[in-house]
Amino acid sequence: MGALDDATKKAQDFVEENKDKVQDALKSEQAEDISDKIMDGVAGAAKKVTGGKFDEQIDDARENVDKHIGNE
């Protein structure tokens, strides 16, 4: 596991050293567009699987996640 631990440490260091750039990327228009498409797909699939029984909860969860990714 040494190589995996090393890669994890390097990734953590990279994120820490570039925290401002990472935050800017997460708040970008491109991140908004991509995240909306992914979340719409996941929410749609969840609604289909649950037969519409939990649509309100799924929509609430999607909206909550959307507040933290992108710029809208």
PDB file of N, CA and C in Angstrom:
ATOM      1  N   MET A   1       0.816  -1.199   0.000  1.00  0.00           N
ATOM      2  CA  MET A   1       0.000   0.000   0.000  1.00  0.00           C
ATOM      3  C   MET A   1       0.852   1.252   0.000  1.00  0.00           C
ATOM      4  N   GLY A   2       2.131   1.145   0.044  1.00  0.00           N
ATOM      5  CA  GLY A   2       3.008   2.294   0.100  1.00  0.00           C
ATOM      6  C   GLY A   2       2.807   3.242  -1.069  1.00  0.00           C
ATOM      7  N   ALA A   3       2.680   2.706  -2.265  1.00  0.00           N
ATOM      8  CA  ALA A   3       2.489   3.546  -3.444  1.00  0.00           C
ATOM      9  C   ALA A   3       1.159   4.283  -3.389  1.00  0.00           C
ATOM     10  N   LEU A   4       0.114   3.616  -2.913  1.00  0.00           N
ATOM     11  CA  LEU A   4      -1.199   4.252  -2.793  1.00  0.00           C
ATOM     12  C   LEU A   4      -1.166   5.350  -1.739  1.00  0.00           C
ATOM     13  N   ASP A   5      -0.521   5.079  -0.623  1.00  0.00           N
ATOM     14  CA  ASP A   5      -0.388   6.089   0.421  1.00  0.00           C
ATOM     15  C   ASP A   5       0.387   7.295  -0.083  1.00  0.00           C
ATOM     16  N   ASP A   6       1.436   7.044  -0.847  1.00  0.00           N
ATOM     17  CA  ASP A   6       2.249   8.119  -1.411  1.00  0.00           C
ATOM     18  C   ASP A   6       1.429   8.961  -2.384  1.00  0.00           C
ATOM     19  N   ALA A   7       0.649   8.310  -3.231  1.00  0.00           N
ATOM     20  CA  ALA A   7      -0.187   9.028  -4.185  1.00  0.00           C
ATOM     21  C   ALA A   7      -1.254   9.845  -3.468  1.00  0.00           C
ATOM     22  N   THR A   8      -1.831   9.293  -2.418  1.00  0.00           N
ATOM     23  CA  THR A   8      -2.832  10.010  -1.633  1.00  0.00           C
ATOM     24  C   THR A   8      -2.221  11.241  -0.988  1.00  0.00           C
ATOM     25  N   LYS A   9      -1.036  11.093  -0.418  1.00  0.00           N
ATOM     26  CA  LYS A   9      -0.342  12.218   0.220  1.00  0.00           C
ATOM     27  C   LYS A   9      -0.032  13.305  -0.804  1.00  0.00           C
ATOM     28  N   LYS A  10       0.428  12.914  -1.988  1.00  0.00           N
ATOM     29  CA  LYS A  10       0.732  13.895  -3.034  1.00  0.00           C
ATOM     30  C   LYS A  10      -0.531  14.633  -3.468  1.00  0.00           C
ATOM     31  N   ALA A  11      -1.645  13.917  -3.584  1.00  0.00           N
ATOM     32  CA  ALA A  11      -2.909  14.555  -3.956  1.00  0.00           C
ATOM     33  C   ALA A  11      -3.362  15.530  -2.882  1.00  0.00           C
ATOM     34  N   GLN A  12      -3.238  15.135  -1.625  1.00  0.00           N
ATOM     35  CA  GLN A  12      -3.615  16.021  -0.524  1.00  0.00           C
ATOM     36  C   GLN A  12      -2.734  17.270  -0.502  1.00  0.00           C
ATOM     37  N   ASP A  13      -1.443  17.086  -0.716  1.00  0.00           N
ATOM     38  CA  ASP A  13      -0.520  18.222  -0.752  1.00  0.00           C
ATOM     39  C   ASP A  13      -0.866  19.164  -1.907  1.00  0.00           C
ATOM     40  N   PHE A  14      -1.165  18.589  -3.067  1.00  0.00           N
ATOM     41  CA  PHE A  14      -1.522  19.400  -4.234  1.00  0.00           C
ATOM     42  C   PHE A  14      -2.762  20.241  -3.947  1.00  0.00           C
ATOM     43  N   VAL A  15      -3.785  19.619  -3.379  1.00  0.00           N
ATOM     44  CA  VAL A  15      -5.026  20.339  -3.068  1.00  0.00           C
ATOM     45  C   VAL A  15      -4.746  21.445  -2.053  1.00  0.00           C
ATOM     46  N   GLU A  16      -3.965  21.139  -1.034  1.00  0.00           N
ATOM     47  CA  GLU A  16      -3.656  22.137  -0.007  1.00  0.00           C
ATOM     48  C   GLU A  16      -2.871  23.310  -0.597  1.00  0.00           C
ATOM     49  N   GLU A  17      -1.912  23.027  -1.450  1.00  0.00           N
ATOM     50  CA  GLU A  17      -1.083  24.071  -2.052  1.00  0.00           C
ATOM     51  C   GLU A  17      -1.860  24.908  -3.059  1.00  0.00           C
ATOM     52  N   ASN A  18      -2.921  24.355  -3.625  1.00  0.00           N
ATOM     53  CA  ASN A  18      -3.690  25.036  -4.663  1.00  0.00           C
ATOM     54  C   ASN A  18      -5.137  25.262  -4.246  1.00  0.00           C
ATOM     55  N   LYS A  19      -5.352  25.444  -2.953  1.00  0.00           N
ATOM     56  CA  LYS A  19      -6.696  25.559  -2.400  1.00  0.00           C
ATOM     57  C   LYS A  19      -7.520  26.635  -3.100  1.00  0.00           C
ATOM     58  N   ASP A  20      -6.930  27.799  -3.348  1.00  0.00           N
ATOM     59  CA  ASP A  20      -7.658  28.893  -4.004  1.00  0.00           C
ATOM     60  C   ASP A  20      -8.070  28.520  -5.423  1.00  0.00           C
ATOM     61  N   LYS A  21      -7.167  27.889  -6.160  1.00  0.00           N
ATOM     62  CA  LYS A  21      -7.478  27.489  -7.536  1.00  0.00           C
ATOM     63  C   LYS A  21      -8.556  26.410  -7.565  1.00  0.00           C
ATOM     64  N   VAL A  22      -8.499  25.480  -6.610  1.00  0.00           N
ATOM     65  CA  VAL A  22      -9.509  24.421  -6.534  1.00  0.00           C
ATOM     66  C   VAL A  22     -10.875  25.035  -6.249  1.00  0.00           C
ATOM     67  N   GLN A  23     -10.930  25.966  -5.304  1.00  0.00           N
ATOM     68  CA  GLN A  23     -12.197  26.628  -4.982  1.00  0.00           C
ATOM     69  C   GLN A  23     -12.731  27.399  -6.181  1.00  0.00           C
ATOM     70  N   ASP A  24     -11.846  28.097  -6.899  1.00  0.00           N
ATOM     71  CA  ASP A  24     -12.271  28.830  -8.099  1.00  0.00           C
ATOM     72  C   ASP A  24     -12.839  27.882  -9.142  1.00  0.00           C
ATOM     73  N   ALA A  25     -12.193  26.719  -9.310  1.00  0.00           N
ATOM     74  CA  ALA A  25     -12.674  25.745 -10.291  1.00  0.00           C
ATOM     75  C   ALA A  25     -14.040  25.205  -9.892  1.00  0.00           C
ATOM     76  N   LEU A  26     -14.243  24.953  -8.604  1.00  0.00           N
ATOM     77  CA  LEU A  26     -15.534  24.435  -8.140  1.00  0.00           C
ATOM     78  C   LEU A  26     -16.646  25.461  -8.280  1.00  0.00           C
ATOM     79  N   LYS A  27     -16.296  26.733  -8.310  1.00  0.00           N
ATOM     80  CA  LYS A  27     -17.289  27.800  -8.413  1.00  0.00           C
ATOM     81  C   LYS A  27     -17.409  28.345  -9.840  1.00  0.00           C
ATOM     82  N   SER A  28     -16.872  27.647 -10.807  1.00  0.00           N
ATOM     83  CA  SER A  28     -16.875  28.124 -12.193  1.00  0.00           C
ATOM     84  C   SER A  28     -18.173  27.762 -12.919  1.00  0.00           C
ATOM     85  N   GLU A  29     -18.396  28.435 -14.028  1.00  0.00           N
ATOM     86  CA  GLU A  29     -19.565  28.155 -14.865  1.00  0.00           C
ATOM     87  C   GLU A  29     -19.492  26.733 -15.428  1.00  0.00           C
ATOM     88  N   GLN A  30     -18.295  26.307 -15.793  1.00  0.00           N
ATOM     89  CA  GLN A  30     -18.123  24.954 -16.332  1.00  0.00           C
ATOM     90  C   GLN A  30     -18.486  23.910 -15.270  1.00  0.00           C
ATOM     91  N   ALA A  31     -18.054  24.120 -14.040  1.00  0.00           N
ATOM     92  CA  ALA A  31     -18.405  23.187 -12.970  1.00  0.00           C
ATOM     93  C   ALA A  31     -19.906  23.180 -12.751  1.00  0.00           C
ATOM     94  N   GLU A  32     -20.529  24.351 -12.840  1.00  0.00           N
ATOM     95  CA  GLU A  32     -21.991  24.447 -12.689  1.00  0.00           C
ATOM     96  C   GLU A  32     -22.700  23.613 -13.752  1.00  0.00           C
ATOM     97  N   ASP A  33     -22.285  23.774 -15.005  1.00  0.00           N
ATOM     98  CA  ASP A  33     -22.926  23.038 -16.106  1.00  0.00           C
ATOM     99  C   ASP A  33     -22.760  21.530 -15.953  1.00  0.00           C
ATOM    100  N   ILE A  34     -21.540  21.113 -15.661  1.00  0.00           N
ATOM    101  CA  ILE A  34     -21.271  19.683 -15.522  1.00  0.00           C
ATOM    102  C   ILE A  34     -22.016  19.098 -14.325  1.00  0.00           C
ATOM    103  N   SER A  35     -21.954  19.794 -13.199  1.00  0.00           N
ATOM    104  CA  SER A  35     -22.612  19.265 -12.002  1.00  0.00           C
ATOM    105  C   SER A  35     -24.123  19.209 -12.181  1.00  0.00           C
ATOM    106  N   ASP A  36     -24.697  20.204 -12.854  1.00  0.00           N
ATOM    107  CA  ASP A  36     -26.146  20.174 -13.099  1.00  0.00           C
ATOM    108  C   ASP A  36     -26.543  18.959 -13.926  1.00  0.00           C
ATOM    109  N   LYS A  37     -25.782  18.667 -14.961  1.00  0.00           N
ATOM    110  CA  LYS A  37     -26.090  17.512 -15.807  1.00  0.00           C
ATOM    111  C   LYS A  37     -25.979  16.203 -15.022  1.00  0.00           C
ATOM    112  N   ILE A  38     -24.927  16.091 -14.238  1.00  0.00           N
ATOM    113  CA  ILE A  38     -24.733  14.867 -13.450  1.00  0.00           C
ATOM    114  C   ILE A  38     -25.841  14.725 -12.408  1.00  0.00           C
ATOM    115  N   MET A  39     -26.110  15.805 -11.687  1.00  0.00           N
ATOM    116  CA  MET A  39     -27.133  15.731 -10.634  1.00  0.00           C
ATOM    117  C   MET A  39     -28.522  15.502 -11.207  1.00  0.00           C
ATOM    118  N   ASP A  40     -28.826  16.080 -12.367  1.00  0.00           N
ATOM    119  CA  ASP A  40     -30.115  15.828 -13.008  1.00  0.00           C
ATOM    120  C   ASP A  40     -30.255  14.350 -13.358  1.00  0.00           C
ATOM    121  N   GLY A  41     -29.168  13.769 -13.873  1.00  0.00           N
ATOM    122  CA  GLY A  41     -29.202  12.352 -14.216  1.00  0.00           C
ATOM    123  C   GLY A  41     -29.364  11.456 -13.008  1.00  0.00           C
ATOM    124  N   VAL A  42     -28.627  11.758 -11.948  1.00  0.00           N
ATOM    125  CA  VAL A  42     -28.712  10.961 -10.727  1.00  0.00           C
ATOM    126  C   VAL A  42     -30.097  11.101 -10.097  1.00  0.00           C
ATOM    127  N   ALA A  43     -30.600  12.339 -10.031  1.00  0.00           N
ATOM    128  CA  ALA A  43     -31.928  12.564  -9.447  1.00  0.00           C
ATOM    129  C   ALA A  43     -32.999  11.847 -10.269  1.00  0.00           C
ATOM    130  N   GLY A  44     -32.904  11.925 -11.580  1.00  0.00           N
ATOM    131  CA  GLY A  44     -33.872  11.247 -12.441  1.00  0.00           C
ATOM    132  C   GLY A  44     -33.849   9.744 -12.248  1.00  0.00           C
ATOM    133  N   ALA A  45     -32.646   9.185 -12.149  1.00  0.00           N
ATOM    134  CA  ALA A  45     -32.526   7.741 -11.939  1.00  0.00           C
ATOM    135  C   ALA A  45     -33.089   7.343 -10.572  1.00  0.00           C
ATOM    136  N   ALA A  46     -32.793   8.144  -9.554  1.00  0.00           N
ATOM    137  CA  ALA A  46     -33.306   7.842  -8.205  1.00  0.00           C
ATOM    138  C   ALA A  46     -34.825   7.908  -8.174  1.00  0.00           C
ATOM    139  N   LYS A  47     -35.389   8.885  -8.863  1.00  0.00           N
ATOM    140  CA  LYS A  47     -36.853   9.000  -8.907  1.00  0.00           C
ATOM    141  C   LYS A  47     -37.476   7.800  -9.617  1.00  0.00           C
ATOM    142  N   LYS A  48     -36.812   7.366 -10.670  1.00  0.00           N
ATOM    143  CA  LYS A  48     -37.327   6.215 -11.424  1.00  0.00           C
ATOM    144  C   LYS A  48     -37.270   4.946 -10.569  1.00  0.00           C
ATOM    145  N   VAL A  49     -36.157   4.751  -9.876  1.00  0.00           N
ATOM    146  CA  VAL A  49     -35.977   3.560  -9.050  1.00  0.00           C
ATOM    147  C   VAL A  49     -36.973   3.538  -7.893  1.00  0.00           C
ATOM    148  N   THR A  50     -37.256   4.702  -7.321  1.00  0.00           N
ATOM    149  CA  THR A  50     -38.151   4.758  -6.167  1.00  0.00           C
ATOM    150  C   THR A  50     -39.614   4.919  -6.567  1.00  0.00           C
ATOM    151  N   GLY A  51     -39.867   4.948  -7.845  1.00  0.00           N
ATOM    152  CA  GLY A  51     -41.246   5.030  -8.316  1.00  0.00           C
ATOM    153  C   GLY A  51     -41.948   6.325  -7.956  1.00  0.00           C
ATOM    154  N   GLY A  52     -41.181   7.389  -7.748  1.00  0.00           N
ATOM    155  CA  GLY A  52     -41.769   8.684  -7.447  1.00  0.00           C
ATOM    156  C   GLY A  52     -42.147   8.883  -5.989  1.00  0.00           C
ATOM    157  N   LYS A  53     -41.880   7.885  -5.160  1.00  0.00           N
ATOM    158  CA  LYS A  53     -42.278   7.967  -3.752  1.00  0.00           C
ATOM    159  C   LYS A  53     -41.460   8.985  -2.956  1.00  0.00           C
ATOM    160  N   PHE A  54     -40.255   9.286  -3.421  1.00  0.00           N
ATOM    161  CA  PHE A  54     -39.363  10.164  -2.672  1.00  0.00           C
ATOM    162  C   PHE A  54     -38.899  11.364  -3.500  1.00  0.00           C
ATOM    163  N   ASP A  55     -39.705  11.780  -4.455  1.00  0.00           N
ATOM    164  CA  ASP A  55     -39.311  12.875  -5.351  1.00  0.00           C
ATOM    165  C   ASP A  55     -38.940  14.145  -4.587  1.00  0.00           C
ATOM    166  N   GLU A  56     -39.721  14.496  -3.585  1.00  0.00           N
ATOM    167  CA  GLU A  56     -39.448  15.730  -2.846  1.00  0.00           C
ATOM    168  C   GLU A  56     -38.104  15.653  -2.118  1.00  0.00           C
ATOM    169  N   GLN A  57     -37.810  14.528  -1.493  1.00  0.00           N
ATOM    170  CA  GLN A  57     -36.548  14.361  -0.783  1.00  0.00           C
ATOM    171  C   GLN A  57     -35.375  14.364  -1.758  1.00  0.00           C
ATOM    172  N   ILE A  58     -35.567  13.742  -2.902  1.00  0.00           N
ATOM    173  CA  ILE A  58     -34.517  13.705  -3.920  1.00  0.00           C
ATOM    174  C   ILE A  58     -34.247  15.117  -4.435  1.00  0.00           C
ATOM    175  N   ASP A  59     -35.304  15.871  -4.699  1.00  0.00           N
ATOM    176  CA  ASP A  59     -35.136  17.248  -5.165  1.00  0.00           C
ATOM    177  C   ASP A  59     -34.443  18.110  -4.110  1.00  0.00           C
ATOM    178  N   ASP A  60     -34.792  17.920  -2.847  1.00  0.00           N
ATOM    179  CA  ASP A  60     -34.157  18.669  -1.763  1.00  0.00           C
ATOM    180  C   ASP A  60     -32.663  18.353  -1.677  1.00  0.00           C
ATOM    181  N   ALA A  61     -32.329  17.078  -1.776  1.00  0.00           N
ATOM    182  CA  ALA A  61     -30.926  16.661  -1.715  1.00  0.00           C
ATOM    183  C   ALA A  61     -30.156  17.232  -2.901  1.00  0.00           C
ATOM    184  N   ARG A  62     -30.746  17.183  -4.099  1.00  0.00           N
ATOM    185  CA  ARG A  62     -30.096  17.717  -5.285  1.00  0.00           C
ATOM    186  C   ARG A  62     -29.841  19.211  -5.133  1.00  0.00           C
ATOM    187  N   GLU A  63     -30.827  19.931  -4.625  1.00  0.00           N
ATOM    188  CA  GLU A  63     -30.701  21.374  -4.440  1.00  0.00           C
ATOM    189  C   GLU A  63     -29.608  21.701  -3.420  1.00  0.00           C
ATOM    190  N   ASN A  64     -29.543  20.928  -2.353  1.00  0.00           N
ATOM    191  CA  ASN A  64     -28.526  21.146  -1.326  1.00  0.00           C
ATOM    192  C   ASN A  64     -27.118  20.951  -1.890  1.00  0.00           C
ATOM    193  N   VAL A  65     -26.925  19.906  -2.655  1.00  0.00           N
ATOM    194  CA  VAL A  65     -25.608  19.653  -3.266  1.00  0.00           C
ATOM    195  C   VAL A  65     -25.287  20.765  -4.255  1.00  0.00           C
ATOM    196  N   ASP A  66     -26.267  21.205  -5.024  1.00  0.00           N
ATOM    197  CA  ASP A  66     -26.057  22.218  -6.052  1.00  0.00           C
ATOM    198  C   ASP A  66     -25.571  23.542  -5.448  1.00  0.00           C
ATOM    199  N   LYS A  67     -25.961  23.823  -4.230  1.00  0.00           N
ATOM    200  CA  LYS A  67     -25.525  25.068  -3.574  1.00  0.00           C
ATOM    201  C   LYS A  67     -24.018  25.093  -3.348  1.00  0.00           C
ATOM    202  N   HIS A  68     -23.390  23.936  -3.303  1.00  0.00           N
ATOM    203  CA  HIS A  68     -21.973  23.850  -2.968  1.00  0.00           C
ATOM    204  C   HIS A  68     -21.064  23.671  -4.177  1.00  0.00           C
ATOM    205  N   ILE A  69     -21.637  23.492  -5.359  1.00  0.00           N
ATOM    206  CA  ILE A  69     -20.835  23.283  -6.560  1.00  0.00           C
ATOM    207  C   ILE A  69     -21.295  24.245  -7.631  1.00  0.00           C
ATOM    208  N   GLY A  70     -20.352  24.864  -8.300  1.00  0.00           N
ATOM    209  CA  GLY A  70     -20.688  25.791  -9.375  1.00  0.00           C
ATOM    210  C   GLY A  70     -20.894  27.191  -8.858  1.00  0.00           C
ATOM    211  N   ASN A  71     -21.538  28.019  -9.666  1.00  0.00           N
ATOM    212  CA  ASN A  71     -21.657  29.430  -9.321  1.00  0.00           C
ATOM    213  C   ASN A  71     -23.097  29.905  -9.226  1.00  0.00           C
ATOM    214  N   GLU A  72     -24.042  29.016  -9.207  1.00  0.00           N
ATOM    215  CA  GLU A  72     -25.451  29.409  -9.085  1.00  0.00           C
ATOM    216  C   GLU A  72     -26.085  28.736  -7.892  1.00  0.00           C
TER     217      GLU A  72
END
